[in-house]
């Protein structure tokens, strides 16, 4: 899976609209991100961000200069499309299907969530680590962005490997990032079922 994802998501995007990671239109999951003038950083699987945008394509940009050799993974989805996995690459290209949104809605909905990080490398200390460092979005010329309205109820969930989805996708894969999947953990389905905003800072230590 990792090789195929790396090849298929390295498409170049010729865009002239850049939305930086600290743009006020981006909604970050509570307590999961450190946002400064150049980037938004998380060490937590399950952390996510959401934004509404117009246009036909979007390119996620990440700073991977300090990424460990077992690359962390994300999910992304547009509108009601499926959660699509990707490695955290310097550029992740996301095509936008024109039939996903209602005809009278000028914006697409984008959600990006951290799917998994390896349990065998540094996460908590400075330097080379599993952290995801998001730097911004590249959009089509003339595109616009606006805020996602958060859900009415916020719940903060603390957990370990159970809430992080360790081994939820099997155990035979070469990389633990491929058999760990935070979307299969207990809290994720509950957030959709009960219309909750979920924040998930896990307690999980380097093996």
N, C-alpha and C. Protein backbone atom coordinates (compact mmCIF):
# COMPACT_ATOMS: atom_id res chain seq x y z
N UNK A 1 0.82 -1.20 0.00
CA UNK A 1 0.00 0.00 0.00
C UNK A 1 0.86 1.26 0.00
N UNK A 2 1.96 1.22 0.73
CA UNK A 2 2.78 2.41 0.89
C UNK A 2 3.41 2.84 -0.43
N UNK A 3 3.88 1.91 -1.22
CA UNK A 3 4.50 2.25 -2.49
C UNK A 3 3.48 2.84 -3.45
N UNK A 4 2.31 2.20 -3.54
CA UNK A 4 1.27 2.68 -4.44
C UNK A 4 0.81 4.08 -4.06
N UNK A 5 0.64 4.32 -2.77
CA UNK A 5 0.20 5.63 -2.33
C UNK A 5 1.23 6.69 -2.66
N UNK A 6 2.50 6.34 -2.43
CA UNK A 6 3.55 7.31 -2.70
C UNK A 6 3.57 7.70 -4.17
N UNK A 7 3.35 6.74 -5.05
CA UNK A 7 3.39 7.02 -6.48
C UNK A 7 2.16 7.79 -6.94
N UNK A 8 0.99 7.43 -6.41
CA UNK A 8 -0.25 8.00 -6.94
C UNK A 8 -0.54 9.39 -6.41
N UNK A 9 0.07 9.78 -5.31
CA UNK A 9 -0.28 11.05 -4.69
C UNK A 9 0.82 12.11 -4.81
N UNK A 10 1.75 11.90 -5.72
CA UNK A 10 2.81 12.87 -5.93
C UNK A 10 2.53 13.77 -7.12
N UNK A 11 1.27 13.89 -7.52
CA UNK A 11 0.90 14.72 -8.65
C UNK A 11 1.18 16.18 -8.35
N UNK A 12 1.64 16.90 -9.36
CA UNK A 12 1.90 18.33 -9.19
C UNK A 12 0.63 19.12 -9.40
N UNK A 13 0.46 20.17 -8.61
CA UNK A 13 -0.69 21.03 -8.74
C UNK A 13 -0.22 22.42 -9.12
N UNK A 14 -0.70 22.94 -10.24
CA UNK A 14 -0.38 24.28 -10.67
C UNK A 14 -1.46 25.20 -10.11
N UNK A 15 -1.22 25.77 -8.95
CA UNK A 15 -2.22 26.57 -8.27
C UNK A 15 -1.60 27.88 -7.84
N UNK A 16 -2.42 28.90 -7.72
CA UNK A 16 -1.90 30.20 -7.34
C UNK A 16 -2.46 30.69 -6.03
N UNK A 17 -3.35 29.92 -5.40
CA UNK A 17 -3.93 30.30 -4.13
C UNK A 17 -3.33 29.42 -3.04
N UNK A 18 -2.66 30.04 -2.09
CA UNK A 18 -2.04 29.29 -0.99
C UNK A 18 -2.71 29.69 0.32
N UNK A 19 -3.19 28.70 1.05
CA UNK A 19 -3.81 28.91 2.35
C UNK A 19 -2.85 28.36 3.40
N UNK A 20 -2.30 29.24 4.23
CA UNK A 20 -1.33 28.80 5.22
C UNK A 20 -2.00 28.06 6.36
N UNK A 21 -1.21 27.29 7.08
CA UNK A 21 -1.75 26.43 8.15
C UNK A 21 -2.40 27.22 9.27
N UNK A 22 -2.03 28.49 9.43
CA UNK A 22 -2.61 29.29 10.52
C UNK A 22 -3.80 30.12 10.06
N UNK A 23 -4.33 29.83 8.87
CA UNK A 23 -5.49 30.57 8.37
C UNK A 23 -6.70 30.32 9.27
N UNK A 24 -7.44 31.36 9.55
CA UNK A 24 -8.56 31.25 10.48
C UNK A 24 -9.71 30.42 9.93
N UNK A 25 -9.70 30.11 8.64
CA UNK A 25 -10.76 29.29 8.05
C UNK A 25 -10.59 27.81 8.35
N UNK A 26 -9.42 27.41 8.81
CA UNK A 26 -9.16 26.00 9.11
C UNK A 26 -9.59 25.70 10.54
N UNK A 27 -10.44 24.69 10.69
CA UNK A 27 -10.87 24.26 12.03
C UNK A 27 -10.03 23.05 12.44
N UNK A 28 -9.29 23.19 13.54
CA UNK A 28 -8.47 22.10 14.06
C UNK A 28 -9.16 21.43 15.24
N UNK A 29 -9.01 20.12 15.34
CA UNK A 29 -9.59 19.39 16.47
C UNK A 29 -9.00 19.95 17.76
N UNK A 30 -9.83 20.13 18.78
CA UNK A 30 -9.38 20.80 20.01
C UNK A 30 -8.24 20.06 20.72
N UNK A 31 -7.28 20.83 21.20
CA UNK A 31 -6.18 20.35 22.05
C UNK A 31 -5.21 19.41 21.35
N UNK A 32 -5.34 19.26 20.05
CA UNK A 32 -4.49 18.28 19.37
C UNK A 32 -3.37 18.88 18.53
N UNK A 33 -3.36 20.20 18.31
CA UNK A 33 -2.43 20.82 17.38
C UNK A 33 -1.71 22.00 18.04
N UNK A 34 -0.46 22.18 17.62
CA UNK A 34 0.27 23.41 17.94
C UNK A 34 0.37 24.21 16.65
N UNK A 35 -0.30 25.34 16.60
CA UNK A 35 -0.34 26.17 15.38
C UNK A 35 0.48 27.43 15.61
N UNK A 36 1.43 27.67 14.69
CA UNK A 36 2.19 28.92 14.74
C UNK A 36 2.09 29.63 13.39
N UNK A 37 2.98 30.54 13.10
CA UNK A 37 2.89 31.33 11.88
C UNK A 37 3.18 30.58 10.61
N UNK A 38 3.80 29.40 10.71
CA UNK A 38 4.20 28.67 9.50
C UNK A 38 3.63 27.28 9.38
N UNK A 39 3.12 26.69 10.48
CA UNK A 39 2.70 25.30 10.41
C UNK A 39 1.74 24.96 11.55
N UNK A 40 1.13 23.79 11.42
CA UNK A 40 0.32 23.20 12.49
C UNK A 40 0.86 21.80 12.72
N UNK A 41 1.23 21.50 13.96
CA UNK A 41 1.92 20.24 14.27
C UNK A 41 1.12 19.44 15.27
N UNK A 42 1.03 18.11 15.02
CA UNK A 42 0.39 17.22 15.98
C UNK A 42 1.22 15.96 16.15
N UNK A 43 1.21 15.43 17.35
CA UNK A 43 1.84 14.14 17.63
C UNK A 43 0.77 13.09 17.94
N UNK A 44 -0.49 13.44 17.69
CA UNK A 44 -1.61 12.58 18.09
C UNK A 44 -2.33 12.00 16.88
N UNK A 45 -2.44 10.69 16.82
CA UNK A 45 -3.34 10.10 15.84
C UNK A 45 -4.77 10.46 16.23
N UNK A 46 -5.61 10.60 15.24
CA UNK A 46 -6.98 11.05 15.50
C UNK A 46 -7.14 12.55 15.40
N UNK A 47 -6.05 13.31 15.47
CA UNK A 47 -6.14 14.75 15.26
C UNK A 47 -6.59 15.02 13.83
N UNK A 48 -7.39 16.04 13.64
CA UNK A 48 -7.91 16.32 12.30
C UNK A 48 -8.05 17.83 12.10
N UNK A 49 -8.24 18.22 10.84
CA UNK A 49 -8.65 19.58 10.53
C UNK A 49 -9.67 19.55 9.41
N UNK A 50 -10.48 20.60 9.34
CA UNK A 50 -11.57 20.69 8.37
C UNK A 50 -11.63 22.10 7.79
N UNK A 51 -12.06 22.18 6.54
CA UNK A 51 -12.19 23.47 5.88
C UNK A 51 -13.16 23.34 4.71
N UNK A 52 -13.82 24.42 4.35
CA UNK A 52 -14.65 24.49 3.15
C UNK A 52 -13.89 25.27 2.10
N UNK A 53 -13.87 24.74 0.85
CA UNK A 53 -13.11 25.40 -0.22
C UNK A 53 -13.84 25.26 -1.54
N UNK A 54 -13.55 26.15 -2.45
CA UNK A 54 -14.06 26.04 -3.81
C UNK A 54 -12.91 25.66 -4.75
N UNK A 55 -13.25 25.14 -5.91
CA UNK A 55 -12.23 24.72 -6.86
C UNK A 55 -12.33 23.25 -7.21
N UNK A 56 -11.46 22.79 -8.08
CA UNK A 56 -11.51 21.43 -8.60
C UNK A 56 -10.39 20.53 -8.11
N UNK A 57 -9.48 21.09 -7.32
CA UNK A 57 -8.40 20.28 -6.79
C UNK A 57 -7.78 20.98 -5.59
N UNK A 58 -7.13 20.22 -4.76
CA UNK A 58 -6.45 20.76 -3.60
C UNK A 58 -5.19 19.96 -3.36
N UNK A 59 -4.17 20.63 -2.92
CA UNK A 59 -2.90 19.98 -2.62
C UNK A 59 -2.53 20.29 -1.17
N UNK A 60 -2.38 19.24 -0.35
CA UNK A 60 -1.93 19.41 1.02
C UNK A 60 -0.41 19.49 1.04
N UNK A 61 0.15 20.40 1.82
CA UNK A 61 1.60 20.50 1.93
C UNK A 61 2.02 20.23 3.37
N UNK A 62 3.10 19.45 3.51
CA UNK A 62 3.62 19.07 4.82
C UNK A 62 5.13 19.29 4.85
N UNK A 63 5.64 19.58 6.02
CA UNK A 63 7.09 19.61 6.25
C UNK A 63 7.49 18.22 6.74
N UNK A 64 8.19 17.49 5.90
CA UNK A 64 8.59 16.12 6.24
C UNK A 64 10.09 16.02 6.49
N UNK A 65 10.75 17.15 6.70
CA UNK A 65 12.20 17.15 6.88
C UNK A 65 12.64 16.43 8.15
N UNK A 66 11.72 16.31 9.14
CA UNK A 66 12.05 15.63 10.39
C UNK A 66 11.21 14.36 10.59
N UNK A 67 10.65 13.84 9.50
CA UNK A 67 9.82 12.63 9.60
C UNK A 67 10.70 11.39 9.75
N UNK A 68 10.25 10.44 10.56
CA UNK A 68 10.97 9.19 10.76
C UNK A 68 10.92 8.34 9.49
N UNK A 69 11.70 7.25 9.50
CA UNK A 69 11.79 6.40 8.31
C UNK A 69 10.51 5.61 8.06
N UNK A 70 9.71 5.35 9.08
CA UNK A 70 8.40 4.71 8.90
C UNK A 70 7.37 5.85 8.91
N UNK A 71 6.99 6.28 7.73
CA UNK A 71 6.23 7.51 7.57
C UNK A 71 4.84 7.43 8.18
N UNK A 72 4.45 8.47 8.88
CA UNK A 72 3.09 8.55 9.41
C UNK A 72 2.08 8.62 8.27
N UNK A 73 0.82 8.28 8.57
CA UNK A 73 -0.21 8.21 7.54
C UNK A 73 -1.41 9.08 7.93
N UNK A 74 -2.11 9.56 6.92
CA UNK A 74 -3.32 10.35 7.12
C UNK A 74 -4.48 9.74 6.34
N UNK A 75 -5.68 10.17 6.67
CA UNK A 75 -6.86 9.98 5.84
C UNK A 75 -7.29 11.35 5.34
N UNK A 76 -7.86 11.41 4.13
CA UNK A 76 -8.54 12.62 3.69
C UNK A 76 -9.83 12.23 2.99
N UNK A 77 -10.79 13.14 3.04
CA UNK A 77 -12.02 12.94 2.27
C UNK A 77 -12.58 14.29 1.87
N UNK A 78 -13.27 14.31 0.73
CA UNK A 78 -13.91 15.51 0.22
C UNK A 78 -15.40 15.25 0.15
N UNK A 79 -16.19 16.15 0.71
CA UNK A 79 -17.64 16.04 0.73
C UNK A 79 -18.04 14.70 1.38
N UNK A 80 -18.89 13.94 0.71
CA UNK A 80 -19.31 12.65 1.24
C UNK A 80 -18.51 11.49 0.65
N UNK A 81 -17.35 11.78 0.11
CA UNK A 81 -16.50 10.74 -0.45
C UNK A 81 -15.87 9.87 0.62
N UNK A 82 -15.21 8.80 0.20
CA UNK A 82 -14.62 7.86 1.16
C UNK A 82 -13.37 8.43 1.83
N UNK A 83 -13.05 7.93 3.00
CA UNK A 83 -11.79 8.24 3.64
C UNK A 83 -10.67 7.56 2.85
N UNK A 84 -9.76 8.36 2.31
CA UNK A 84 -8.69 7.85 1.46
C UNK A 84 -7.36 7.95 2.20
N UNK A 85 -6.61 6.84 2.31
CA UNK A 85 -5.34 6.89 3.05
C UNK A 85 -4.20 7.43 2.21
N UNK A 86 -3.24 8.02 2.86
CA UNK A 86 -2.04 8.52 2.19
C UNK A 86 -0.89 8.57 3.19
N UNK A 87 0.31 8.38 2.71
CA UNK A 87 1.48 8.72 3.49
C UNK A 87 1.53 10.23 3.68
N UNK A 88 2.19 10.67 4.75
CA UNK A 88 2.44 12.10 4.93
C UNK A 88 3.64 12.47 4.06
N UNK A 89 3.36 13.03 2.90
CA UNK A 89 4.37 13.43 1.94
C UNK A 89 4.47 14.96 1.92
N UNK A 90 5.50 15.48 1.27
CA UNK A 90 5.62 16.94 1.19
C UNK A 90 4.44 17.55 0.44
N UNK A 91 3.89 16.79 -0.53
CA UNK A 91 2.69 17.22 -1.25
C UNK A 91 1.75 16.03 -1.40
N UNK A 92 0.50 16.22 -1.04
CA UNK A 92 -0.53 15.20 -1.22
C UNK A 92 -1.63 15.80 -2.08
N UNK A 93 -1.75 15.30 -3.29
CA UNK A 93 -2.71 15.82 -4.26
C UNK A 93 -4.08 15.18 -4.07
N UNK A 94 -5.13 16.00 -4.04
CA UNK A 94 -6.49 15.50 -3.87
C UNK A 94 -7.36 16.00 -5.01
N UNK A 95 -7.73 15.14 -5.96
CA UNK A 95 -8.67 15.56 -7.00
C UNK A 95 -10.06 15.70 -6.42
N UNK A 96 -10.85 16.59 -6.99
CA UNK A 96 -12.20 16.84 -6.49
C UNK A 96 -13.21 16.47 -7.57
N UNK A 97 -14.07 15.49 -7.28
CA UNK A 97 -15.10 15.08 -8.22
C UNK A 97 -16.21 16.13 -8.23
N UNK A 98 -16.62 16.55 -9.40
CA UNK A 98 -17.61 17.62 -9.52
C UNK A 98 -18.99 17.22 -9.03
N UNK A 99 -19.26 15.90 -8.94
CA UNK A 99 -20.60 15.46 -8.57
C UNK A 99 -20.76 15.17 -7.08
N UNK A 100 -19.77 15.55 -6.26
CA UNK A 100 -19.86 15.27 -4.83
C UNK A 100 -20.71 16.29 -4.09
N UNK A 101 -20.70 17.55 -4.53
CA UNK A 101 -21.42 18.60 -3.83
C UNK A 101 -22.78 18.86 -4.48
N UNK A 102 -23.70 19.43 -3.73
CA UNK A 102 -24.96 19.88 -4.28
C UNK A 102 -24.69 21.02 -5.27
N UNK A 103 -25.50 21.12 -6.29
CA UNK A 103 -25.27 22.11 -7.32
C UNK A 103 -25.34 23.54 -6.84
N UNK A 104 -26.12 23.81 -5.79
CA UNK A 104 -26.27 25.18 -5.30
C UNK A 104 -25.33 25.49 -4.14
N UNK A 105 -24.42 24.58 -3.82
CA UNK A 105 -23.44 24.81 -2.75
C UNK A 105 -22.10 25.13 -3.39
N UNK A 106 -21.56 26.34 -3.16
CA UNK A 106 -20.33 26.74 -3.86
C UNK A 106 -19.05 26.17 -3.27
N UNK A 107 -19.14 25.46 -2.14
CA UNK A 107 -17.94 24.98 -1.46
C UNK A 107 -17.93 23.45 -1.33
N UNK A 108 -16.73 22.90 -1.33
CA UNK A 108 -16.51 21.50 -0.99
C UNK A 108 -16.03 21.42 0.46
N UNK A 109 -16.33 20.30 1.10
CA UNK A 109 -15.91 20.04 2.48
C UNK A 109 -14.68 19.14 2.46
N UNK A 110 -13.61 19.56 3.13
CA UNK A 110 -12.39 18.77 3.22
C UNK A 110 -12.11 18.43 4.67
N UNK A 111 -11.88 17.15 4.93
CA UNK A 111 -11.45 16.70 6.26
C UNK A 111 -10.16 15.89 6.10
N UNK A 112 -9.18 16.19 6.93
CA UNK A 112 -7.91 15.46 6.95
C UNK A 112 -7.67 15.00 8.39
N UNK A 113 -7.41 13.71 8.57
CA UNK A 113 -7.23 13.13 9.90
C UNK A 113 -5.96 12.29 9.93
N UNK A 114 -5.23 12.35 11.02
CA UNK A 114 -4.04 11.52 11.19
C UNK A 114 -4.47 10.09 11.48
N UNK A 115 -4.15 9.18 10.58
CA UNK A 115 -4.58 7.78 10.68
C UNK A 115 -3.71 6.97 11.62
N UNK A 116 -2.39 7.07 11.49
CA UNK A 116 -1.51 6.22 12.28
C UNK A 116 -0.10 6.77 12.30
N UNK A 117 0.59 6.45 13.38
CA UNK A 117 2.02 6.73 13.54
C UNK A 117 2.67 5.46 14.08
N UNK A 118 3.91 5.23 13.72
CA UNK A 118 4.58 4.04 14.21
C UNK A 118 4.77 4.09 15.72
N UNK A 119 4.68 2.94 16.34
CA UNK A 119 4.91 2.80 17.78
C UNK A 119 6.39 2.64 18.11
N UNK A 120 7.25 2.49 17.11
CA UNK A 120 8.64 2.09 17.32
C UNK A 120 9.65 3.22 17.15
N UNK A 121 9.17 4.45 16.96
CA UNK A 121 10.07 5.58 16.77
C UNK A 121 9.66 6.71 17.72
N UNK A 122 10.55 7.69 17.84
CA UNK A 122 10.31 8.84 18.72
C UNK A 122 9.05 9.61 18.31
N UNK A 123 8.23 9.93 19.29
CA UNK A 123 7.06 10.76 19.07
C UNK A 123 7.10 12.03 19.91
N UNK A 124 7.62 11.93 21.12
CA UNK A 124 7.45 12.99 22.10
C UNK A 124 8.59 13.99 22.15
N UNK A 125 9.81 13.58 21.80
CA UNK A 125 10.97 14.46 21.94
C UNK A 125 11.26 15.20 20.64
N UNK A 126 12.05 16.27 20.75
CA UNK A 126 12.42 17.05 19.57
C UNK A 126 13.30 16.24 18.63
N UNK A 127 13.41 16.71 17.40
CA UNK A 127 14.23 16.03 16.40
C UNK A 127 13.40 15.15 15.50
N UNK A 128 14.05 14.13 14.91
CA UNK A 128 13.36 13.19 14.02
C UNK A 128 12.24 12.51 14.81
N UNK A 129 11.02 12.54 14.27
CA UNK A 129 9.89 12.00 15.03
C UNK A 129 8.75 11.64 14.08
N UNK A 130 7.69 11.12 14.66
CA UNK A 130 6.50 10.73 13.89
C UNK A 130 5.53 11.89 13.69
N UNK A 131 5.83 13.06 14.22
CA UNK A 131 4.91 14.20 14.17
C UNK A 131 4.47 14.53 12.74
N UNK A 132 3.23 14.97 12.63
CA UNK A 132 2.70 15.47 11.37
C UNK A 132 2.75 16.99 11.41
N UNK A 133 3.47 17.58 10.44
CA UNK A 133 3.64 19.03 10.39
C UNK A 133 2.97 19.54 9.11
N UNK A 134 1.77 20.04 9.26
CA UNK A 134 0.98 20.55 8.14
C UNK A 134 1.35 22.01 7.90
N UNK A 135 1.62 22.37 6.63
CA UNK A 135 2.05 23.74 6.34
C UNK A 135 1.03 24.54 5.54
N UNK A 136 0.10 23.88 4.82
CA UNK A 136 -0.91 24.65 4.11
C UNK A 136 -1.59 23.91 2.98
N UNK A 137 -2.40 24.66 2.24
CA UNK A 137 -3.16 24.14 1.11
C UNK A 137 -2.84 24.94 -0.14
N UNK A 138 -2.74 24.25 -1.27
CA UNK A 138 -2.66 24.90 -2.57
C UNK A 138 -3.97 24.64 -3.30
N UNK A 139 -4.60 25.70 -3.79
CA UNK A 139 -5.90 25.59 -4.45
C UNK A 139 -5.84 26.21 -5.84
N UNK A 140 -6.87 25.93 -6.65
CA UNK A 140 -7.00 26.53 -7.98
C UNK A 140 -7.02 28.05 -7.90
N UNK A 141 -6.55 28.68 -8.96
CA UNK A 141 -6.65 30.13 -9.07
C UNK A 141 -8.11 30.56 -8.96
N UNK A 142 -8.39 31.54 -8.11
CA UNK A 142 -9.74 32.01 -7.92
C UNK A 142 -10.54 31.27 -6.86
N UNK A 143 -9.94 30.26 -6.23
CA UNK A 143 -10.64 29.51 -5.19
C UNK A 143 -10.83 30.35 -3.93
N UNK A 144 -11.84 29.99 -3.15
CA UNK A 144 -12.10 30.65 -1.89
C UNK A 144 -12.22 29.61 -0.78
N UNK A 145 -12.05 30.05 0.46
CA UNK A 145 -12.22 29.16 1.61
C UNK A 145 -13.12 29.84 2.63
N UNK A 146 -13.74 29.02 3.48
CA UNK A 146 -14.55 29.54 4.56
C UNK A 146 -14.57 28.53 5.69
N UNK A 147 -15.12 28.94 6.83
CA UNK A 147 -15.07 28.12 8.04
C UNK A 147 -16.06 26.97 8.00
N UNK A 148 -15.68 25.89 8.65
CA UNK A 148 -16.60 24.80 8.99
C UNK A 148 -17.21 25.10 10.35
N UNK A 149 -18.51 24.99 10.46
CA UNK A 149 -19.17 25.23 11.74
C UNK A 149 -18.96 24.01 12.64
N UNK A 150 -18.33 24.18 13.82
CA UNK A 150 -18.11 23.03 14.70
C UNK A 150 -19.42 22.47 15.24
N UNK A 151 -19.37 21.21 15.63
CA UNK A 151 -20.54 20.59 16.26
C UNK A 151 -20.77 21.18 17.65
N UNK A 152 -21.98 21.01 18.15
CA UNK A 152 -22.39 21.71 19.36
C UNK A 152 -21.73 21.18 20.62
N UNK A 153 -21.33 19.90 20.63
CA UNK A 153 -20.79 19.27 21.83
C UNK A 153 -19.34 18.85 21.60
N UNK A 154 -18.47 19.18 22.55
CA UNK A 154 -17.08 18.78 22.48
C UNK A 154 -16.78 17.75 23.56
N UNK A 155 -16.10 16.68 23.17
CA UNK A 155 -15.70 15.65 24.13
C UNK A 155 -14.20 15.40 23.97
N UNK A 156 -13.48 15.42 25.07
CA UNK A 156 -12.04 15.14 25.08
C UNK A 156 -11.82 13.73 25.59
N UNK A 157 -11.20 12.89 24.77
CA UNK A 157 -11.01 11.48 25.12
C UNK A 157 -9.51 11.20 25.27
N UNK A 158 -9.11 10.68 26.44
CA UNK A 158 -7.75 10.26 26.67
C UNK A 158 -7.69 8.74 26.58
N UNK A 159 -6.63 8.23 25.96
CA UNK A 159 -6.54 6.79 25.84
C UNK A 159 -5.14 6.35 25.46
N UNK A 160 -5.01 5.06 25.20
CA UNK A 160 -3.73 4.51 24.81
C UNK A 160 -3.89 3.78 23.49
N UNK A 161 -3.37 2.57 23.40
CA UNK A 161 -3.43 1.84 22.14
C UNK A 161 -4.85 1.50 21.72
N UNK A 162 -5.77 1.38 22.69
CA UNK A 162 -7.15 1.03 22.35
C UNK A 162 -7.81 2.16 21.57
N UNK A 163 -7.70 3.39 22.09
CA UNK A 163 -8.31 4.52 21.39
C UNK A 163 -7.51 4.93 20.17
N UNK A 164 -6.26 4.46 20.07
CA UNK A 164 -5.44 4.78 18.92
C UNK A 164 -5.64 3.79 17.77
N UNK A 165 -6.34 2.73 18.00
CA UNK A 165 -6.63 1.77 16.94
C UNK A 165 -5.48 0.83 16.61
N UNK A 166 -4.63 0.53 17.58
CA UNK A 166 -3.50 -0.37 17.34
C UNK A 166 -4.01 -1.77 17.02
N UNK A 167 -3.51 -2.33 15.91
CA UNK A 167 -3.84 -3.68 15.43
C UNK A 167 -5.30 -3.82 14.97
N UNK A 168 -6.00 -2.72 14.82
CA UNK A 168 -7.41 -2.80 14.37
C UNK A 168 -7.53 -3.25 12.91
N UNK A 169 -6.48 -3.07 12.14
CA UNK A 169 -6.52 -3.46 10.73
C UNK A 169 -5.71 -4.71 10.45
N UNK A 170 -5.48 -5.53 11.49
CA UNK A 170 -4.72 -6.77 11.30
C UNK A 170 -3.37 -6.67 11.97
N UNK A 171 -2.50 -7.64 11.66
CA UNK A 171 -1.18 -7.65 12.27
C UNK A 171 -0.10 -8.20 11.36
N UNK A 172 -0.45 -8.51 10.13
CA UNK A 172 0.49 -9.17 9.22
C UNK A 172 1.27 -8.19 8.35
N UNK A 173 0.89 -6.92 8.33
CA UNK A 173 1.54 -5.95 7.47
C UNK A 173 2.98 -5.68 7.92
N UNK A 174 3.81 -5.28 7.01
CA UNK A 174 5.22 -5.04 7.32
C UNK A 174 5.37 -3.87 8.28
N UNK A 175 4.60 -2.79 8.05
CA UNK A 175 4.71 -1.59 8.87
C UNK A 175 3.53 -1.50 9.83
N UNK A 176 3.81 -1.18 11.08
CA UNK A 176 2.71 -1.07 12.04
C UNK A 176 1.76 0.08 11.70
N UNK A 177 2.22 1.05 10.96
CA UNK A 177 1.33 2.14 10.52
C UNK A 177 0.23 1.63 9.59
N UNK A 178 0.43 0.46 8.99
CA UNK A 178 -0.59 -0.11 8.10
C UNK A 178 -1.58 -1.00 8.84
N UNK A 179 -1.21 -1.54 10.00
CA UNK A 179 -2.20 -2.33 10.73
C UNK A 179 -2.82 -1.56 11.90
N UNK A 180 -2.36 -0.32 12.12
CA UNK A 180 -3.00 0.57 13.09
C UNK A 180 -3.91 1.54 12.34
N UNK A 181 -5.11 1.76 12.84
CA UNK A 181 -6.06 2.64 12.15
C UNK A 181 -6.96 3.31 13.18
N UNK A 182 -6.72 4.60 13.40
CA UNK A 182 -7.46 5.33 14.44
C UNK A 182 -8.95 5.45 14.12
N UNK A 183 -9.31 5.35 12.84
CA UNK A 183 -10.73 5.47 12.48
C UNK A 183 -11.54 4.26 12.94
N UNK A 184 -10.87 3.15 13.28
CA UNK A 184 -11.56 1.94 13.73
C UNK A 184 -11.65 1.86 15.25
N UNK A 185 -11.09 2.82 15.95
CA UNK A 185 -11.15 2.82 17.41
C UNK A 185 -12.56 3.14 17.87
N UNK A 186 -12.82 2.94 19.14
CA UNK A 186 -14.17 3.15 19.69
C UNK A 186 -14.70 4.57 19.51
N UNK A 187 -13.93 5.64 19.79
CA UNK A 187 -14.55 6.97 19.78
C UNK A 187 -15.03 7.45 18.42
N UNK A 188 -14.38 7.06 17.33
CA UNK A 188 -14.73 7.62 16.02
C UNK A 188 -16.17 7.38 15.61
N UNK A 189 -16.67 6.15 15.65
CA UNK A 189 -18.08 5.94 15.29
C UNK A 189 -19.04 6.69 16.21
N UNK A 190 -18.66 6.87 17.48
CA UNK A 190 -19.55 7.56 18.40
C UNK A 190 -19.70 9.03 18.02
N UNK A 191 -18.63 9.64 17.52
CA UNK A 191 -18.69 11.06 17.18
C UNK A 191 -19.67 11.30 16.04
N UNK A 192 -19.72 10.37 15.08
CA UNK A 192 -20.67 10.51 13.97
C UNK A 192 -22.09 10.19 14.42
N UNK A 193 -22.23 9.18 15.28
CA UNK A 193 -23.55 8.75 15.70
C UNK A 193 -24.24 9.81 16.55
N UNK A 194 -23.47 10.47 17.44
CA UNK A 194 -24.07 11.42 18.38
C UNK A 194 -23.76 12.87 18.02
N UNK A 195 -23.20 13.10 16.83
CA UNK A 195 -22.94 14.46 16.34
C UNK A 195 -22.07 15.24 17.32
N UNK A 196 -20.90 14.68 17.63
CA UNK A 196 -19.99 15.26 18.59
C UNK A 196 -18.73 15.74 17.90
N UNK A 197 -18.10 16.76 18.48
CA UNK A 197 -16.75 17.13 18.10
C UNK A 197 -15.80 16.40 19.03
N UNK A 198 -14.88 15.62 18.45
CA UNK A 198 -14.02 14.75 19.23
C UNK A 198 -12.60 15.29 19.24
N UNK A 199 -11.96 15.26 20.39
CA UNK A 199 -10.54 15.55 20.51
C UNK A 199 -9.89 14.37 21.19
N UNK A 200 -8.72 13.94 20.67
CA UNK A 200 -8.15 12.69 21.14
C UNK A 200 -6.64 12.82 21.31
N UNK A 201 -6.17 13.35 22.44
CA UNK A 201 -4.74 13.32 22.74
C UNK A 201 -4.37 12.02 23.45
N UNK A 202 -3.74 11.04 22.79
CA UNK A 202 -3.53 9.75 23.43
C UNK A 202 -2.30 9.74 24.32
N UNK A 203 -2.31 8.83 25.29
CA UNK A 203 -1.11 8.51 26.06
C UNK A 203 -0.54 7.22 25.49
N UNK A 204 0.51 7.35 24.70
CA UNK A 204 1.10 6.15 24.11
C UNK A 204 2.60 6.36 24.03
N UNK A 205 3.38 5.44 24.56
CA UNK A 205 4.80 5.66 24.72
C UNK A 205 5.60 4.83 23.72
N UNK A 206 6.76 5.35 23.35
CA UNK A 206 7.62 4.67 22.39
C UNK A 206 8.04 3.30 22.91
N UNK A 207 7.86 2.28 22.08
CA UNK A 207 8.22 0.92 22.50
C UNK A 207 9.74 0.75 22.51
